[in-house]
Amino acid sequence: MRLVVMGIVHKRPKSMVVLVACQSKGEGEEEIEGDVGLELKVNFSEKAVLRNARLSGQWGASETALSFFPFAPGEPFKMEIVCEHQQFRILVDGQPLCGFTHRLTQLASLTALRVHGDLQLTKVA
């Protein structure tokens, strides 16, 4: 599986989030958020990209190690999330950014992609 998220970062960004998750269960006030296989939280002021997962309502330990910070205010980007056997591999503009070892074992249950924050989406594939 390969997900592509393309967009343009806002001129004065604070953060943006990309989630690969299971569908929520129930509706309205009865809605229960599904597990999250991968959360990428970009923090522009700290030039950080946190990675995490939520299993059975519990967030695990965040991972933060990066070799570089690829996002710039007002600039376009292309993020690819490649689901491999052992991990998610994240590339930005064709360059490897980081990996995230799978914590969720049922990868087929990951059917939702959510993107929000200080960006204008141009393509999701």
PDB file of N, CA and C in Angstrom:
ATOM      1  N   MET A   1       0.848  -1.181   0.000  1.00  0.00           N
ATOM      2  CA  MET A   1       0.000   0.000   0.000  1.00  0.00           C
ATOM      3  C   MET A   1       0.888   1.237   0.000  1.00  0.00           C
ATOM      4  N   ARG A   2       0.533   2.201  -0.812  1.00  0.00           N
ATOM      5  CA  ARG A   2       1.250   3.464  -0.860  1.00  0.00           C
ATOM      6  C   ARG A   2       0.220   4.590  -0.869  1.00  0.00           C
ATOM      7  N   LEU A   3       0.348   5.495   0.081  1.00  0.00           N
ATOM      8  CA  LEU A   3      -0.512   6.670   0.133  1.00  0.00           C
ATOM      9  C   LEU A   3       0.314   7.885  -0.254  1.00  0.00           C
ATOM     10  N   VAL A   4      -0.279   8.774  -1.044  1.00  0.00           N
ATOM     11  CA  VAL A   4       0.404  10.002  -1.442  1.00  0.00           C
ATOM     12  C   VAL A   4      -0.443  11.178  -0.985  1.00  0.00           C
ATOM     13  N   VAL A   5       0.190  12.098  -0.265  1.00  0.00           N
ATOM     14  CA  VAL A   5      -0.467  13.328   0.188  1.00  0.00           C
ATOM     15  C   VAL A   5       0.359  14.486  -0.352  1.00  0.00           C
ATOM     16  N   MET A   6      -0.268  15.305  -1.202  1.00  0.00           N
ATOM     17  CA  MET A   6       0.424  16.472  -1.746  1.00  0.00           C
ATOM     18  C   MET A   6      -0.296  17.719  -1.290  1.00  0.00           C
ATOM     19  N   GLY A   7       0.474  18.751  -0.993  1.00  0.00           N
ATOM     20  CA  GLY A   7      -0.136  19.984  -0.540  1.00  0.00           C
ATOM     21  C   GLY A   7       0.846  21.137  -0.539  1.00  0.00           C
ATOM     22  N   ILE A   8       0.348  22.278  -0.108  1.00  0.00           N
ATOM     23  CA  ILE A   8       1.158  23.483   0.033  1.00  0.00           C
ATOM     24  C   ILE A   8       1.028  23.933   1.481  1.00  0.00           C
ATOM     25  N   VAL A   9       2.164  24.096   2.137  1.00  0.00           N
ATOM     26  CA  VAL A   9       2.179  24.533   3.531  1.00  0.00           C
ATOM     27  C   VAL A   9       1.739  25.999   3.588  1.00  0.00           C
ATOM     28  N   HIS A  10       0.904  26.352   4.579  1.00  0.00           N
ATOM     29  CA  HIS A  10       0.498  27.748   4.767  1.00  0.00           C
ATOM     30  C   HIS A  10       1.722  28.636   5.008  1.00  0.00           C
ATOM     31  N   LYS A  11       1.543  29.938   4.831  1.00  0.00           N
ATOM     32  CA  LYS A  11       2.655  30.890   4.992  1.00  0.00           C
ATOM     33  C   LYS A  11       3.151  30.976   6.440  1.00  0.00           C
ATOM     34  N   ARG A  12       2.236  30.848   7.407  1.00  0.00           N
ATOM     35  CA  ARG A  12       2.614  30.904   8.835  1.00  0.00           C
ATOM     36  C   ARG A  12       2.101  29.643   9.534  1.00  0.00           C
ATOM     37  N   PRO A  13       2.706  28.499   9.248  1.00  0.00           N
ATOM     38  CA  PRO A  13       2.181  27.238   9.779  1.00  0.00           C
ATOM     39  C   PRO A  13       2.574  27.000  11.232  1.00  0.00           C
ATOM     40  N   LYS A  14       1.668  26.339  11.955  1.00  0.00           N
ATOM     41  CA  LYS A  14       1.969  25.873  13.315  1.00  0.00           C
ATOM     42  C   LYS A  14       2.141  24.365  13.303  1.00  0.00           C
ATOM     43  N   SER A  15       1.139  23.668  12.704  1.00  0.00           N
ATOM     44  CA  SER A  15       1.212  22.202  12.699  1.00  0.00           C
ATOM     45  C   SER A  15       0.337  21.627  11.595  1.00  0.00           C
ATOM     46  N   MET A  16       0.593  20.356  11.304  1.00  0.00           N
ATOM     47  CA  MET A  16      -0.303  19.585  10.453  1.00  0.00           C
ATOM     48  C   MET A  16      -0.201  18.133  10.886  1.00  0.00           C
ATOM     49  N   VAL A  17      -1.276  17.391  10.643  1.00  0.00           N
ATOM     50  CA  VAL A  17      -1.362  16.009  11.096  1.00  0.00           C
ATOM     51  C   VAL A  17      -1.850  15.128   9.949  1.00  0.00           C
ATOM     52  N   VAL A  18      -1.197  13.970   9.799  1.00  0.00           N
ATOM     53  CA  VAL A  18      -1.634  12.946   8.866  1.00  0.00           C
ATOM     54  C   VAL A  18      -1.854  11.675   9.684  1.00  0.00           C
ATOM     55  N   LEU A  19      -3.077  11.126   9.619  1.00  0.00           N
ATOM     56  CA  LEU A  19      -3.428   9.906  10.361  1.00  0.00           C
ATOM     57  C   LEU A  19      -3.817   8.799   9.400  1.00  0.00           C
ATOM     58  N   VAL A  20      -3.304   7.602   9.652  1.00  0.00           N
ATOM     59  CA  VAL A  20      -3.754   6.397   8.957  1.00  0.00           C
ATOM     60  C   VAL A  20      -4.423   5.563  10.050  1.00  0.00           C
ATOM     61  N   ALA A  21      -5.749   5.382   9.924  1.00  0.00           N
ATOM     62  CA  ALA A  21      -6.504   4.838  11.056  1.00  0.00           C
ATOM     63  C   ALA A  21      -7.555   3.830  10.615  1.00  0.00           C
ATOM     64  N   CYS A  22      -8.127   3.168  11.616  1.00  0.00           N
ATOM     65  CA  CYS A  22      -9.295   2.312  11.415  1.00  0.00           C
ATOM     66  C   CYS A  22     -10.529   3.209  11.459  1.00  0.00           C
ATOM     67  N   GLN A  23     -11.606   2.748  10.878  1.00  0.00           N
ATOM     68  CA  GLN A  23     -12.855   3.511  10.927  1.00  0.00           C
ATOM     69  C   GLN A  23     -13.359   3.600  12.362  1.00  0.00           C
ATOM     70  N   SER A  24     -13.964   4.737  12.700  1.00  0.00           N
ATOM     71  CA  SER A  24     -14.614   4.877  14.002  1.00  0.00           C
ATOM     72  C   SER A  24     -15.834   3.974  14.042  1.00  0.00           C
ATOM     73  N   LYS A  25     -16.240   3.611  15.262  1.00  0.00           N
ATOM     74  CA  LYS A  25     -17.423   2.764  15.434  1.00  0.00           C
ATOM     75  C   LYS A  25     -18.532   3.583  16.086  1.00  0.00           C
ATOM     76  N   GLY A  26     -19.757   3.331  15.689  1.00  0.00           N
ATOM     77  CA  GLY A  26     -20.895   4.047  16.270  1.00  0.00           C
ATOM     78  C   GLY A  26     -21.069   5.413  15.624  1.00  0.00           C
ATOM     79  N   GLU A  27     -22.047   6.170  16.144  1.00  0.00           N
ATOM     80  CA  GLU A  27     -22.347   7.487  15.595  1.00  0.00           C
ATOM     81  C   GLU A  27     -22.650   8.468  16.704  1.00  0.00           C
ATOM     82  N   GLY A  28     -22.495   9.757  16.404  1.00  0.00           N
ATOM     83  CA  GLY A  28     -22.826  10.814  17.354  1.00  0.00           C
ATOM     84  C   GLY A  28     -22.051  10.682  18.653  1.00  0.00           C
ATOM     85  N   GLU A  29     -22.767  10.794  19.775  1.00  0.00           N
ATOM     86  CA  GLU A  29     -22.120  10.704  21.084  1.00  0.00           C
ATOM     87  C   GLU A  29     -21.658   9.292  21.407  1.00  0.00           C
ATOM     88  N   GLU A  30     -22.178   8.311  20.663  1.00  0.00           N
ATOM     89  CA  GLU A  30     -21.797   6.916  20.879  1.00  0.00           C
ATOM     90  C   GLU A  30     -20.549   6.538  20.080  1.00  0.00           C
ATOM     91  N   GLU A  31     -20.044   7.485  19.284  1.00  0.00           N
ATOM     92  CA  GLU A  31     -18.914   7.178  18.406  1.00  0.00           C
ATOM     93  C   GLU A  31     -17.650   6.891  19.222  1.00  0.00           C
ATOM     94  N   ILE A  32     -16.986   5.810  18.854  1.00  0.00           N
ATOM     95  CA  ILE A  32     -15.728   5.428  19.483  1.00  0.00           C
ATOM     96  C   ILE A  32     -14.658   5.492  18.406  1.00  0.00           C
ATOM     97  N   GLU A  33     -13.630   6.303  18.655  1.00  0.00           N
ATOM     98  CA  GLU A  33     -12.561   6.430  17.665  1.00  0.00           C
ATOM     99  C   GLU A  33     -11.848   5.105  17.496  1.00  0.00           C
ATOM    100  N   GLY A  34     -11.516   4.785  16.248  1.00  0.00           N
ATOM    101  CA  GLY A  34     -10.804   3.548  15.958  1.00  0.00           C
ATOM    102  C   GLY A  34      -9.314   3.659  16.271  1.00  0.00           C
ATOM    103  N   ASP A  35      -8.634   2.525  16.170  1.00  0.00           N
ATOM    104  CA  ASP A  35      -7.184   2.515  16.369  1.00  0.00           C
ATOM    105  C   ASP A  35      -6.501   3.358  15.291  1.00  0.00           C
ATOM    106  N   VAL A  36      -5.322   3.862  15.627  1.00  0.00           N
ATOM    107  CA  VAL A  36      -4.517   4.643  14.694  1.00  0.00           C
ATOM    108  C   VAL A  36      -3.222   3.876  14.456  1.00  0.00           C
ATOM    109  N   GLY A  37      -2.990   3.471  13.217  1.00  0.00           N
ATOM    110  CA  GLY A  37      -1.771   2.739  12.889  1.00  0.00           C
ATOM    111  C   GLY A  37      -0.566   3.646  12.759  1.00  0.00           C
ATOM    112  N   LEU A  38      -0.818   4.898  12.340  1.00  0.00           N
ATOM    113  CA  LEU A  38       0.258   5.873  12.186  1.00  0.00           C
ATOM    114  C   LEU A  38      -0.305   7.271  12.312  1.00  0.00           C
ATOM    115  N   GLU A  39       0.274   8.047  13.210  1.00  0.00           N
ATOM    116  CA  GLU A  39      -0.013   9.477  13.313  1.00  0.00           C
ATOM    117  C   GLU A  39       1.296  10.202  13.055  1.00  0.00           C
ATOM    118  N   LEU A  40       1.280  11.091  12.068  1.00  0.00           N
ATOM    119  CA  LEU A  40       2.424  11.964  11.795  1.00  0.00           C
ATOM    120  C   LEU A  40       2.005  13.372  12.180  1.00  0.00           C
ATOM    121  N   LYS A  41       2.636  13.926  13.183  1.00  0.00           N
ATOM    122  CA  LYS A  41       2.295  15.264  13.653  1.00  0.00           C
ATOM    123  C   LYS A  41       3.490  16.181  13.396  1.00  0.00           C
ATOM    124  N   VAL A  42       3.319  17.114  12.454  1.00  0.00           N
ATOM    125  CA  VAL A  42       4.393  18.031  12.081  1.00  0.00           C
ATOM    126  C   VAL A  42       4.268  19.295  12.920  1.00  0.00           C
ATOM    127  N   ASN A  43       5.336  19.630  13.654  1.00  0.00           N
ATOM    128  CA  ASN A  43       5.387  20.836  14.476  1.00  0.00           C
ATOM    129  C   ASN A  43       6.417  21.770  13.844  1.00  0.00           C
ATOM    130  N   PHE A  44       5.935  22.870  13.257  1.00  0.00           N
ATOM    131  CA  PHE A  44       6.821  23.758  12.509  1.00  0.00           C
ATOM    132  C   PHE A  44       7.749  24.570  13.411  1.00  0.00           C
ATOM    133  N   SER A  45       7.267  25.009  14.574  1.00  0.00           N
ATOM    134  CA  SER A  45       8.124  25.829  15.444  1.00  0.00           C
ATOM    135  C   SER A  45       9.304  25.026  15.993  1.00  0.00           C
ATOM    136  N   GLU A  46       9.095  23.726  16.210  1.00  0.00           N
ATOM    137  CA  GLU A  46      10.175  22.868  16.725  1.00  0.00           C
ATOM    138  C   GLU A  46      10.891  22.097  15.615  1.00  0.00           C
ATOM    139  N   LYS A  47      10.419  22.280  14.369  1.00  0.00           N
ATOM    140  CA  LYS A  47      10.956  21.517  13.233  1.00  0.00           C
ATOM    141  C   LYS A  47      11.031  20.027  13.574  1.00  0.00           C
ATOM    142  N   ALA A  48       9.889  19.508  14.011  1.00  0.00           N
ATOM    143  CA  ALA A  48       9.802  18.117  14.456  1.00  0.00           C
ATOM    144  C   ALA A  48       8.653  17.408  13.754  1.00  0.00           C
ATOM    145  N   VAL A  49       8.812  16.089  13.581  1.00  0.00           N
ATOM    146  CA  VAL A  49       7.744  15.232  13.063  1.00  0.00           C
ATOM    147  C   VAL A  49       7.599  14.075  14.047  1.00  0.00           C
ATOM    148  N   LEU A  50       6.539  14.136  14.872  1.00  0.00           N
ATOM    149  CA  LEU A  50       6.292  13.077  15.848  1.00  0.00           C
ATOM    150  C   LEU A  50       5.517  11.959  15.175  1.00  0.00           C
ATOM    151  N   ARG A  51       5.887  10.722  15.509  1.00  0.00           N
ATOM    152  CA  ARG A  51       5.161   9.551  15.030  1.00  0.00           C
ATOM    153  C   ARG A  51       4.646   8.773  16.223  1.00  0.00           C
ATOM    154  N   ASN A  52       3.406   8.278  16.091  1.00  0.00           N
ATOM    155  CA  ASN A  52       2.818   7.527  17.194  1.00  0.00           C
ATOM    156  C   ASN A  52       1.710   6.626  16.653  1.00  0.00           C
ATOM    157  N   ALA A  53       1.175   5.769  17.538  1.00  0.00           N
ATOM    158  CA  ALA A  53       0.043   4.890  17.222  1.00  0.00           C
ATOM    159  C   ALA A  53      -0.852   4.806  18.450  1.00  0.00           C
ATOM    160  N   ARG A  54      -2.151   4.575  18.202  1.00  0.00           N
ATOM    161  CA  ARG A  54      -3.114   4.412  19.301  1.00  0.00           C
ATOM    162  C   ARG A  54      -3.779   3.049  19.152  1.00  0.00           C
ATOM    163  N   LEU A  55      -3.608   2.219  20.181  1.00  0.00           N
ATOM    164  CA  LEU A  55      -4.196   0.884  20.191  1.00  0.00           C
ATOM    165  C   LEU A  55      -5.130   0.767  21.381  1.00  0.00           C
ATOM    166  N   SER A  56      -6.357   0.350  21.139  1.00  0.00           N
ATOM    167  CA  SER A  56      -7.378   0.201  22.194  1.00  0.00           C
ATOM    168  C   SER A  56      -7.494   1.468  23.037  1.00  0.00           C
ATOM    169  N   GLY A  57      -7.488   2.620  22.375  1.00  0.00           N
ATOM    170  CA  GLY A  57      -7.666   3.896  23.060  1.00  0.00           C
ATOM    171  C   GLY A  57      -6.429   4.443  23.747  1.00  0.00           C
ATOM    172  N   GLN A  58      -5.312   3.737  23.697  1.00  0.00           N
ATOM    173  CA  GLN A  58      -4.092   4.167  24.388  1.00  0.00           C
ATOM    174  C   GLN A  58      -3.004   4.552  23.390  1.00  0.00           C
ATOM    175  N   TRP A  59      -2.476   5.781  23.543  1.00  0.00           N
ATOM    176  CA  TRP A  59      -1.350   6.209  22.720  1.00  0.00           C
ATOM    177  C   TRP A  59      -0.079   5.587  23.269  1.00  0.00           C
ATOM    178  N   GLY A  60       0.825   5.223  22.379  1.00  0.00           N
ATOM    179  CA  GLY A  60       2.120   4.685  22.772  1.00  0.00           C
ATOM    180  C   GLY A  60       3.139   5.807  22.928  1.00  0.00           C
ATOM    181  N   ALA A  61       4.404   5.419  22.965  1.00  0.00           N
ATOM    182  CA  ALA A  61       5.489   6.395  23.062  1.00  0.00           C
ATOM    183  C   ALA A  61       5.724   7.026  21.687  1.00  0.00           C
ATOM    184  N   SER A  62       5.887   8.354  21.673  1.00  0.00           N
ATOM    185  CA  SER A  62       6.164   9.062  20.422  1.00  0.00           C
ATOM    186  C   SER A  62       7.606   8.830  19.987  1.00  0.00           C
ATOM    187  N   GLU A  63       7.788   8.807  18.675  1.00  0.00           N
ATOM    188  CA  GLU A  63       9.120   8.744  18.101  1.00  0.00           C
ATOM    189  C   GLU A  63       9.375  10.066  17.393  1.00  0.00           C
ATOM    190  N   THR A  64      10.589  10.612  17.532  1.00  0.00           N
ATOM    191  CA  THR A  64      10.860  11.942  16.985  1.00  0.00           C
ATOM    192  C   THR A  64      12.116  12.037  16.129  1.00  0.00           C
ATOM    193  N   ALA A  65      12.980  11.023  16.123  1.00  0.00           N
ATOM    194  CA  ALA A  65      14.268  11.127  15.434  1.00  0.00           C
ATOM    195  C   ALA A  65      14.065  11.407  13.937  1.00  0.00           C
ATOM    196  N   LEU A  66      14.791  12.411  13.422  1.00  0.00           N
ATOM    197  CA  LEU A  66      14.736  12.801  12.012  1.00  0.00           C
ATOM    198  C   LEU A  66      16.142  13.117  11.528  1.00  0.00           C
ATOM    199  N   SER A  67      16.382  12.885  10.246  1.00  0.00           N
ATOM    200  CA  SER A  67      17.672  13.283   9.688  1.00  0.00           C
ATOM    201  C   SER A  67      17.619  14.712   9.134  1.00  0.00           C
ATOM    202  N   PHE A  68      16.400  15.172   8.776  1.00  0.00           N
ATOM    203  CA  PHE A  68      16.225  16.544   8.289  1.00  0.00           C
ATOM    204  C   PHE A  68      14.751  16.909   8.410  1.00  0.00           C
ATOM    205  N   PHE A  69      14.442  18.208   8.317  1.00  0.00           N
ATOM    206  CA  PHE A  69      13.053  18.684   8.364  1.00  0.00           C
ATOM    207  C   PHE A  69      12.706  19.214   6.975  1.00  0.00           C
ATOM    208  N   PRO A  70      11.794  18.537   6.265  1.00  0.00           N
ATOM    209  CA  PRO A  70      11.590  18.835   4.842  1.00  0.00           C
ATOM    210  C   PRO A  70      10.541  19.901   4.516  1.00  0.00           C
ATOM    211  N   PHE A  71       9.822  20.408   5.502  1.00  0.00           N
ATOM    212  CA  PHE A  71       8.692  21.292   5.212  1.00  0.00           C
ATOM    213  C   PHE A  71       9.088  22.755   5.382  1.00  0.00           C
ATOM    214  N   ALA A  72       8.618  23.611   4.453  1.00  0.00           N
ATOM    215  CA  ALA A  72       8.912  25.042   4.520  1.00  0.00           C
ATOM    216  C   ALA A  72       7.625  25.832   4.292  1.00  0.00           C
ATOM    217  N   PRO A  73       7.440  26.930   5.039  1.00  0.00           N
ATOM    218  CA  PRO A  73       6.247  27.765   4.871  1.00  0.00           C
ATOM    219  C   PRO A  73       6.066  28.220   3.424  1.00  0.00           C
ATOM    220  N   GLY A  74       4.826  28.096   2.935  1.00  0.00           N
ATOM    221  CA  GLY A  74       4.488  28.539   1.591  1.00  0.00           C
ATOM    222  C   GLY A  74       4.944  27.624   0.471  1.00  0.00           C
ATOM    223  N   GLU A  75       5.580  26.497   0.808  1.00  0.00           N
ATOM    224  CA  GLU A  75       6.145  25.615  -0.210  1.00  0.00           C
ATOM    225  C   GLU A  75       5.308  24.341  -0.396  1.00  0.00           C
ATOM    226  N   PRO A  76       5.272  23.818  -1.622  1.00  0.00           N
ATOM    227  CA  PRO A  76       4.574  22.547  -1.860  1.00  0.00           C
ATOM    228  C   PRO A  76       5.405  21.371  -1.357  1.00  0.00           C
ATOM    229  N   PHE A  77       4.726  20.251  -1.113  1.00  0.00           N
ATOM    230  CA  PHE A  77       5.413  19.023  -0.708  1.00  0.00           C
ATOM    231  C   PHE A  77       4.645  17.825  -1.242  1.00  0.00           C
ATOM    232  N   LYS A  78       5.353  16.707  -1.333  1.00  0.00           N
ATOM    233  CA  LYS A  78       4.738  15.431  -1.699  1.00  0.00           C
ATOM    234  C   LYS A  78       5.195  14.415  -0.660  1.00  0.00           C
ATOM    235  N   MET A  79       4.252  13.941   0.160  1.00  0.00           N
ATOM    236  CA  MET A  79       4.546  12.938   1.178  1.00  0.00           C
ATOM    237  C   MET A  79       4.031  11.587   0.694  1.00  0.00           C
ATOM    238  N   GLU A  80       4.898  10.587   0.798  1.00  0.00           N
ATOM    239  CA  GLU A  80       4.502   9.221   0.463  1.00  0.00           C
ATOM    240  C   GLU A  80       4.626   8.377   1.726  1.00  0.00           C
ATOM    241  N   ILE A  81       3.579   7.614   2.011  1.00  0.00           N
ATOM    242  CA  ILE A  81       3.586   6.682   3.134  1.00  0.00           C
ATOM    243  C   ILE A  81       3.504   5.288   2.516  1.00  0.00           C
ATOM    244  N   VAL A  82       4.576   4.541   2.656  1.00  0.00           N
ATOM    245  CA  VAL A  82       4.646   3.205   2.060  1.00  0.00           C
ATOM    246  C   VAL A  82       4.528   2.183   3.182  1.00  0.00           C
ATOM    247  N   CYS A  83       3.527   1.320   3.070  1.00  0.00           N
ATOM    248  CA  CYS A  83       3.318   0.275   4.072  1.00  0.00           C
ATOM    249  C   CYS A  83       4.109  -0.952   3.660  1.00  0.00           C
ATOM    250  N   GLU A  84       5.175  -1.219   4.396  1.00  0.00           N
ATOM    251  CA  GLU A  84       6.013  -2.382   4.141  1.00  0.00           C
ATOM    252  C   GLU A  84       5.699  -3.456   5.181  1.00  0.00           C
ATOM    253  N   HIS A  85       6.359  -4.606   5.055  1.00  0.00           N
ATOM    254  CA  HIS A  85       6.075  -5.733   5.936  1.00  0.00           C
ATOM    255  C   HIS A  85       6.292  -5.394   7.414  1.00  0.00           C
ATOM    256  N   GLN A  86       7.360  -4.716   7.754  1.00  0.00           N
ATOM    257  CA  GLN A  86       7.703  -4.429   9.150  1.00  0.00           C
ATOM    258  C   GLN A  86       7.357  -3.018   9.602  1.00  0.00           C
ATOM    259  N   GLN A  87       7.207  -2.088   8.645  1.00  0.00           N
ATOM    260  CA  GLN A  87       7.089  -0.679   9.028  1.00  0.00           C
ATOM    261  C   GLN A  87       6.378   0.145   7.968  1.00  0.00           C
ATOM    262  N   PHE A  88       6.015   1.367   8.374  1.00  0.00           N
ATOM    263  CA  PHE A  88       5.644   2.408   7.428  1.00  0.00           C
ATOM    264  C   PHE A  88       6.942   3.136   7.091  1.00  0.00           C
ATOM    265  N   ARG A  89       7.155   3.397   5.817  1.00  0.00           N
ATOM    266  CA  ARG A  89       8.302   4.200   5.407  1.00  0.00           C
ATOM    267  C   ARG A  89       7.752   5.511   4.878  1.00  0.00           C
ATOM    268  N   ILE A  90       8.260   6.638   5.380  1.00  0.00           N
ATOM    269  CA  ILE A  90       7.745   7.950   5.008  1.00  0.00           C
ATOM    270  C   ILE A  90       8.799   8.675   4.190  1.00  0.00           C
ATOM    271  N   LEU A  91       8.385   9.115   2.994  1.00  0.00           N
ATOM    272  CA  LEU A  91       9.270   9.896   2.129  1.00  0.00           C
ATOM    273  C   LEU A  91       8.627  11.253   1.893  1.00  0.00           C
ATOM    274  N   VAL A  92       9.447  12.289   1.791  1.00  0.00           N
ATOM    275  CA  VAL A  92       8.955  13.617   1.449  1.00  0.00           C
ATOM    276  C   VAL A  92       9.783  14.129   0.287  1.00  0.00           C
ATOM    277  N   ASP A  93       9.092  14.494  -0.788  1.00  0.00           N
ATOM    278  CA  ASP A  93       9.743  14.952  -2.021  1.00  0.00           C
ATOM    279  C   ASP A  93      10.778  13.946  -2.505  1.00  0.00           C
ATOM    280  N   GLY A  94      10.457  12.655  -2.370  1.00  0.00           N
ATOM    281  CA  GLY A  94      11.313  11.589  -2.860  1.00  0.00           C
ATOM    282  C   GLY A  94      12.454  11.197  -1.932  1.00  0.00           C
ATOM    283  N   GLN A  95      12.637  11.923  -0.831  1.00  0.00           N
ATOM    284  CA  GLN A  95      13.731  11.644   0.103  1.00  0.00           C
ATOM    285  C   GLN A  95      13.198  10.892   1.324  1.00  0.00           C
ATOM    286  N   PRO A  96      13.887   9.814   1.756  1.00  0.00           N
ATOM    287  CA  PRO A  96      13.453   9.101   2.966  1.00  0.00           C
ATOM    288  C   PRO A  96      13.511  10.018   4.185  1.00  0.00           C
ATOM    289  N   LEU A  97      12.370  10.150   4.888  1.00  0.00           N
ATOM    290  CA  LEU A  97      12.314  10.992   6.086  1.00  0.00           C
ATOM    291  C   LEU A  97      12.487  10.156   7.340  1.00  0.00           C
ATOM    292  N   CYS A  98      11.703   9.073   7.443  1.00  0.00           N
ATOM    293  CA  CYS A  98      11.758   8.246   8.643  1.00  0.00           C
ATOM    294  C   CYS A  98      10.964   6.964   8.407  1.00  0.00           C
ATOM    295  N   GLY A  99      11.057   6.072   9.356  1.00  0.00           N
ATOM    296  CA  GLY A  99      10.251   4.865   9.359  1.00  0.00           C
ATOM    297  C   GLY A  99       9.483   4.790  10.664  1.00  0.00           C
ATOM    298  N   PHE A 100       8.479   3.934  10.693  1.00  0.00           N
ATOM    299  CA  PHE A 100       7.702   3.726  11.917  1.00  0.00           C
ATOM    300  C   PHE A 100       7.295   2.261  11.947  1.00  0.00           C
ATOM    301  N   THR A 101       7.878   1.499  12.865  1.00  0.00           N
ATOM    302  CA  THR A 101       7.595   0.072  12.986  1.00  0.00           C
ATOM    303  C   THR A 101       6.130  -0.133  13.357  1.00  0.00           C
ATOM    304  N   HIS A 102       5.488  -1.095  12.682  1.00  0.00           N
ATOM    305  CA  HIS A 102       4.074  -1.370  12.936  1.00  0.00           C
ATOM    306  C   HIS A 102       3.845  -1.747  14.398  1.00  0.00           C
ATOM    307  N   ARG A 103       2.852  -1.119  15.010  1.00  0.00           N
ATOM    308  CA  ARG A 103       2.397  -1.502  16.348  1.00  0.00           C
ATOM    309  C   ARG A 103       1.037  -2.190  16.256  1.00  0.00           C
ATOM    310  N   LEU A 104       0.281  -1.868  15.223  1.00  0.00           N
ATOM    311  CA  LEU A 104      -1.024  -2.480  14.967  1.00  0.00           C
ATOM    312  C   LEU A 104      -0.792  -3.697  14.060  1.00  0.00           C
ATOM    313  N   THR A 105      -1.277  -4.861  14.476  1.00  0.00           N
ATOM    314  CA  THR A 105      -1.002  -6.076  13.707  1.00  0.00           C
ATOM    315  C   THR A 105      -1.979  -6.277  12.556  1.00  0.00           C
ATOM    316  N   GLN A 106      -3.212  -5.793  12.688  1.00  0.00           N
ATOM    317  CA  GLN A 106      -4.224  -5.975  11.642  1.00  0.00           C
ATOM    318  C   GLN A 106      -4.155  -4.809  10.648  1.00  0.00           C
ATOM    319  N   LEU A 107      -3.162  -4.829   9.778  1.00  0.00           N
ATOM    320  CA  LEU A 107      -2.962  -3.711   8.851  1.00  0.00           C
ATOM    321  C   LEU A 107      -4.138  -3.527   7.891  1.00  0.00           C
ATOM    322  N   ALA A 108      -4.843  -4.600   7.567  1.00  0.00           N
ATOM    323  CA  ALA A 108      -5.986  -4.498   6.654  1.00  0.00           C
ATOM    324  C   ALA A 108      -7.123  -3.672   7.247  1.00  0.00           C
ATOM    325  N   SER A 109      -7.125  -3.481   8.567  1.00  0.00           N
ATOM    326  CA  SER A 109      -8.183  -2.686   9.206  1.00  0.00           C
ATOM    327  C   SER A 109      -7.935  -1.184   9.064  1.00  0.00           C
ATOM    328  N   LEU A 110      -6.773  -0.791   8.561  1.00  0.00           N
ATOM    329  CA  LEU A 110      -6.465   0.631   8.366  1.00  0.00           C
ATOM    330  C   LEU A 110      -7.095   1.090   7.051  1.00  0.00           C
ATOM    331  N   THR A 111      -8.250   1.750   7.172  1.00  0.00           N
ATOM    332  CA  THR A 111      -9.007   2.114   5.971  1.00  0.00           C
ATOM    333  C   THR A 111      -9.308   3.609   5.891  1.00  0.00           C
ATOM    334  N   ALA A 112      -8.862   4.394   6.869  1.00  0.00           N
ATOM    335  CA  ALA A 112      -9.173   5.825   6.883  1.00  0.00           C
ATOM    336  C   ALA A 112      -7.885   6.651   6.846  1.00  0.00           C
ATOM    337  N   LEU A 113      -7.909   7.712   6.064  1.00  0.00           N
ATOM    338  CA  LEU A 113      -6.810   8.670   6.013  1.00  0.00           C
ATOM    339  C   LEU A 113      -7.379  10.026   6.392  1.00  0.00           C
ATOM    340  N   ARG A 114      -6.767  10.673   7.374  1.00  0.00           N
ATOM    341  CA  ARG A 114      -7.210  12.012   7.787  1.00  0.00           C
ATOM    342  C   ARG A 114      -6.029  12.957   7.707  1.00  0.00           C
ATOM    343  N   VAL A 115      -6.246  14.111   7.086  1.00  0.00           N
ATOM    344  CA  VAL A 115      -5.203  15.126   6.960  1.00  0.00           C
ATOM    345  C   VAL A 115      -5.809  16.448   7.388  1.00  0.00           C
ATOM    346  N   HIS A 116      -5.161  17.134   8.337  1.00  0.00           N
ATOM    347  CA  HIS A 116      -5.654  18.452   8.742  1.00  0.00           C
ATOM    348  C   HIS A 116      -4.513  19.300   9.261  1.00  0.00           C
ATOM    349  N   GLY A 117      -4.752  20.583   9.350  1.00  0.00           N
ATOM    350  CA  GLY A 117      -3.735  21.494   9.852  1.00  0.00           C
ATOM    351  C   GLY A 117      -3.476  22.628   8.893  1.00  0.00           C
ATOM    352  N   ASP A 118      -2.273  23.188   8.986  1.00  0.00           N
ATOM    353  CA  ASP A 118      -1.917  24.395   8.257  1.00  0.00           C
ATOM    354  C   ASP A 118      -1.348  24.077   6.873  1.00  0.00           C
ATOM    355  N   LEU A 119      -2.232  23.566   6.015  1.00  0.00           N
ATOM    356  CA  LEU A 119      -1.849  23.231   4.647  1.00  0.00           C
ATOM    357  C   LEU A 119      -3.064  23.309   3.748  1.00  0.00           C
ATOM    358  N   GLN A 120      -2.777  23.424   2.466  1.00  0.00           N
ATOM    359  CA  GLN A 120      -3.824  23.320   1.436  1.00  0.00           C
ATOM    360  C   GLN A 120      -3.541  22.026   0.700  1.00  0.00           C
ATOM    361  N   LEU A 121      -4.468  21.087   0.769  1.00  0.00           N
ATOM    362  CA  LEU A 121      -4.302  19.818   0.069  1.00  0.00           C
ATOM    363  C   LEU A 121      -4.444  20.032  -1.428  1.00  0.00           C
ATOM    364  N   THR A 122      -3.571  19.433  -2.210  1.00  0.00           N
ATOM    365  CA  THR A 122      -3.687  19.506  -3.657  1.00  0.00           C
ATOM    366  C   THR A 122      -3.970  18.142  -4.280  1.00  0.00           C
ATOM    367  N   LYS A 123      -3.552  17.049  -3.581  1.00  0.00           N
ATOM    368  CA  LYS A 123      -3.818  15.715  -4.103  1.00  0.00           C
ATOM    369  C   LYS A 123      -3.687  14.687  -2.981  1.00  0.00           C
ATOM    370  N   VAL A 124      -4.589  13.705  -3.008  1.00  0.00           N
ATOM    371  CA  VAL A 124      -4.497  12.541  -2.138  1.00  0.00           C
ATOM    372  C   VAL A 124      -4.727  11.322  -3.024  1.00  0.00           C
ATOM    373  N   ALA A 125      -3.825  10.356  -2.949  1.00  0.00           N
ATOM    374  CA  ALA A 125      -3.960   9.170  -3.790  1.00  0.00           C
ATOM    375  C   ALA A 125      -3.493   7.934  -3.049  1.00  0.00           C
TER     376      ALA A 125
END
